[in-house]
């Protein structure tokens, strides 16, 4: 397979994406909080909690905090933490 060549514009877009990965992931996690409040079935809620765990792992949140949040499965606790993480992430 030939090496893929990117234009300067594409390279810049890719670079910006990875520079802002934390902000993007925090936004996705905030959306998951909203979805968890509105989840109508247990299956959907469980799937969202799994995705929230993955997002927190990607954000390099300490495992003890992740486990505490996931163990309680309290959307309010998750929302408070996301709000705190977003305030710390502002540059």
C-alpha atoms as a PDB file:
ATOM      1  CA  UNK A   1       0.000   0.000   0.000  1.00  0.00           C
ATOM      2  CA  UNK A   2       1.379   3.381  -0.992  1.00  0.00           C
ATOM      3  CA  UNK A   3       2.080   5.998   1.640  1.00  0.00           C
ATOM      4  CA  UNK A   4      -0.756   8.496   1.802  1.00  0.00           C
ATOM      5  CA  UNK A   5       0.149  12.079   1.032  1.00  0.00           C
ATOM      6  CA  UNK A   6      -1.864  14.830   2.705  1.00  0.00           C
ATOM      7  CA  UNK A   7      -2.191  18.405   1.573  1.00  0.00           C
ATOM      8  CA  UNK A   8      -1.021  21.139   3.923  1.00  0.00           C
ATOM      9  CA  UNK A   9      -4.662  21.940   4.668  1.00  0.00           C
ATOM     10  CA  UNK A  10      -5.383  18.316   5.597  1.00  0.00           C
ATOM     11  CA  UNK A  11      -2.249  18.113   7.742  1.00  0.00           C
ATOM     12  CA  UNK A  12      -3.329  21.264   9.576  1.00  0.00           C
ATOM     13  CA  UNK A  13      -6.852  19.925  10.123  1.00  0.00           C
ATOM     14  CA  UNK A  14      -5.525  16.619  11.475  1.00  0.00           C
ATOM     15  CA  UNK A  15      -3.076  18.427  13.740  1.00  0.00           C
ATOM     16  CA  UNK A  16      -5.795  20.713  15.116  1.00  0.00           C
ATOM     17  CA  UNK A  17      -8.057  17.738  15.780  1.00  0.00           C
ATOM     18  CA  UNK A  18      -5.432  16.031  17.926  1.00  0.00           C
ATOM     19  CA  UNK A  19      -4.497  19.283  19.689  1.00  0.00           C
ATOM     20  CA  UNK A  20      -8.136  19.738  20.707  1.00  0.00           C
ATOM     21  CA  UNK A  21      -8.899  16.083  21.480  1.00  0.00           C
ATOM     22  CA  UNK A  22      -9.529  16.773  25.187  1.00  0.00           C
ATOM     23  CA  UNK A  23     -12.028  19.516  24.421  1.00  0.00           C
ATOM     24  CA  UNK A  24     -13.766  17.346  21.834  1.00  0.00           C
ATOM     25  CA  UNK A  25     -13.962  14.381  24.216  1.00  0.00           C
ATOM     26  CA  UNK A  26     -15.302  16.576  27.043  1.00  0.00           C
ATOM     27  CA  UNK A  27     -18.009  17.817  24.682  1.00  0.00           C
ATOM     28  CA  UNK A  28     -18.951  14.254  23.788  1.00  0.00           C
ATOM     29  CA  UNK A  29     -19.032  13.334  27.469  1.00  0.00           C
ATOM     30  CA  UNK A  30     -21.295  16.319  28.194  1.00  0.00           C
ATOM     31  CA  UNK A  31     -23.635  15.111  25.435  1.00  0.00           C
ATOM     32  CA  UNK A  32     -23.640  11.656  27.035  1.00  0.00           C
ATOM     33  CA  UNK A  33     -24.779  13.244  30.306  1.00  0.00           C
ATOM     34  CA  UNK A  34     -27.777  14.707  28.491  1.00  0.00           C
ATOM     35  CA  UNK A  35     -28.486  11.389  26.804  1.00  0.00           C
ATOM     36  CA  UNK A  36     -28.261   9.561  30.144  1.00  0.00           C
ATOM     37  CA  UNK A  37     -30.874  11.892  31.655  1.00  0.00           C
ATOM     38  CA  UNK A  38     -33.160  11.112  28.727  1.00  0.00           C
ATOM     39  CA  UNK A  39     -32.417   7.381  28.370  1.00  0.00           C
ATOM     40  CA  UNK A  40     -35.684   5.482  28.182  1.00  0.00           C
ATOM     41  CA  UNK A  41     -34.423   1.914  28.503  1.00  0.00           C
ATOM     42  CA  UNK A  42     -31.921   0.221  30.774  1.00  0.00           C
ATOM     43  CA  UNK A  43     -30.067  -1.168  27.757  1.00  0.00           C
ATOM     44  CA  UNK A  44     -29.535   2.326  26.340  1.00  0.00           C
ATOM     45  CA  UNK A  45     -28.449   3.602  29.740  1.00  0.00           C
ATOM     46  CA  UNK A  46     -25.958   0.749  30.134  1.00  0.00           C
ATOM     47  CA  UNK A  47     -24.515   1.418  26.676  1.00  0.00           C
ATOM     48  CA  UNK A  48     -24.136   5.124  27.480  1.00  0.00           C
ATOM     49  CA  UNK A  49     -22.366   4.343  30.759  1.00  0.00           C
ATOM     50  CA  UNK A  50     -19.924   2.098  28.862  1.00  0.00           C
ATOM     51  CA  UNK A  51     -19.259   4.908  26.392  1.00  0.00           C
ATOM     52  CA  UNK A  52     -18.818   7.378  29.261  1.00  0.00           C
ATOM     53  CA  UNK A  53     -16.213   5.067  30.807  1.00  0.00           C
ATOM     54  CA  UNK A  54     -14.312   4.908  27.497  1.00  0.00           C
ATOM     55  CA  UNK A  55     -14.426   8.700  27.178  1.00  0.00           C
ATOM     56  CA  UNK A  56     -13.077   9.170  30.704  1.00  0.00           C
ATOM     57  CA  UNK A  57     -10.277   6.669  30.018  1.00  0.00           C
ATOM     58  CA  UNK A  58      -9.388   8.625  26.849  1.00  0.00           C
ATOM     59  CA  UNK A  59      -9.316  11.808  28.935  1.00  0.00           C
ATOM     60  CA  UNK A  60      -6.859  10.103  31.319  1.00  0.00           C
ATOM     61  CA  UNK A  61      -9.139  10.551  34.329  1.00  0.00           C
ATOM     62  CA  UNK A  62      -7.724   8.581  37.297  1.00  0.00           C
ATOM     63  CA  UNK A  63      -9.109   5.035  37.428  1.00  0.00           C
ATOM     64  CA  UNK A  64     -10.356   5.491  41.015  1.00  0.00           C
ATOM     65  CA  UNK A  65     -12.551   8.415  39.956  1.00  0.00           C
ATOM     66  CA  UNK A  66     -13.842   6.555  36.908  1.00  0.00           C
ATOM     67  CA  UNK A  67     -14.701   3.503  38.980  1.00  0.00           C
ATOM     68  CA  UNK A  68     -16.461   5.622  41.600  1.00  0.00           C
ATOM     69  CA  UNK A  69     -18.614   7.370  38.996  1.00  0.00           C
ATOM     70  CA  UNK A  70     -19.431   4.178  37.085  1.00  0.00           C
ATOM     71  CA  UNK A  71     -20.131   2.235  40.279  1.00  0.00           C
ATOM     72  CA  UNK A  72     -22.710   4.768  41.462  1.00  0.00           C
ATOM     73  CA  UNK A  73     -24.175   5.366  37.982  1.00  0.00           C
ATOM     74  CA  UNK A  74     -25.427   8.733  39.185  1.00  0.00           C
ATOM     75  CA  UNK A  75     -25.830  11.147  36.300  1.00  0.00           C
ATOM     76  CA  UNK A  76     -25.648  14.153  38.641  1.00  0.00           C
ATOM     77  CA  UNK A  77     -22.199  13.108  39.863  1.00  0.00           C
ATOM     78  CA  UNK A  78     -21.018  12.612  36.287  1.00  0.00           C
ATOM     79  CA  UNK A  79     -22.453  15.996  35.283  1.00  0.00           C
ATOM     80  CA  UNK A  80     -20.707  17.772  38.179  1.00  0.00           C
ATOM     81  CA  UNK A  81     -17.392  16.162  37.272  1.00  0.00           C
ATOM     82  CA  UNK A  82     -17.739  16.990  33.576  1.00  0.00           C
ATOM     83  CA  UNK A  83     -18.511  20.603  34.472  1.00  0.00           C
ATOM     84  CA  UNK A  84     -15.407  20.742  36.686  1.00  0.00           C
ATOM     85  CA  UNK A  85     -13.218  19.134  34.015  1.00  0.00           C
ATOM     86  CA  UNK A  86     -14.505  21.570  31.399  1.00  0.00           C
ATOM     87  CA  UNK A  87     -13.717  24.563  33.611  1.00  0.00           C
ATOM     88  CA  UNK A  88     -10.159  23.263  34.115  1.00  0.00           C
ATOM     89  CA  UNK A  89      -9.754  22.570  30.390  1.00  0.00           C
ATOM     90  CA  UNK A  90     -10.460  26.174  29.342  1.00  0.00           C
ATOM     91  CA  UNK A  91      -7.235  27.666  28.014  1.00  0.00           C
END
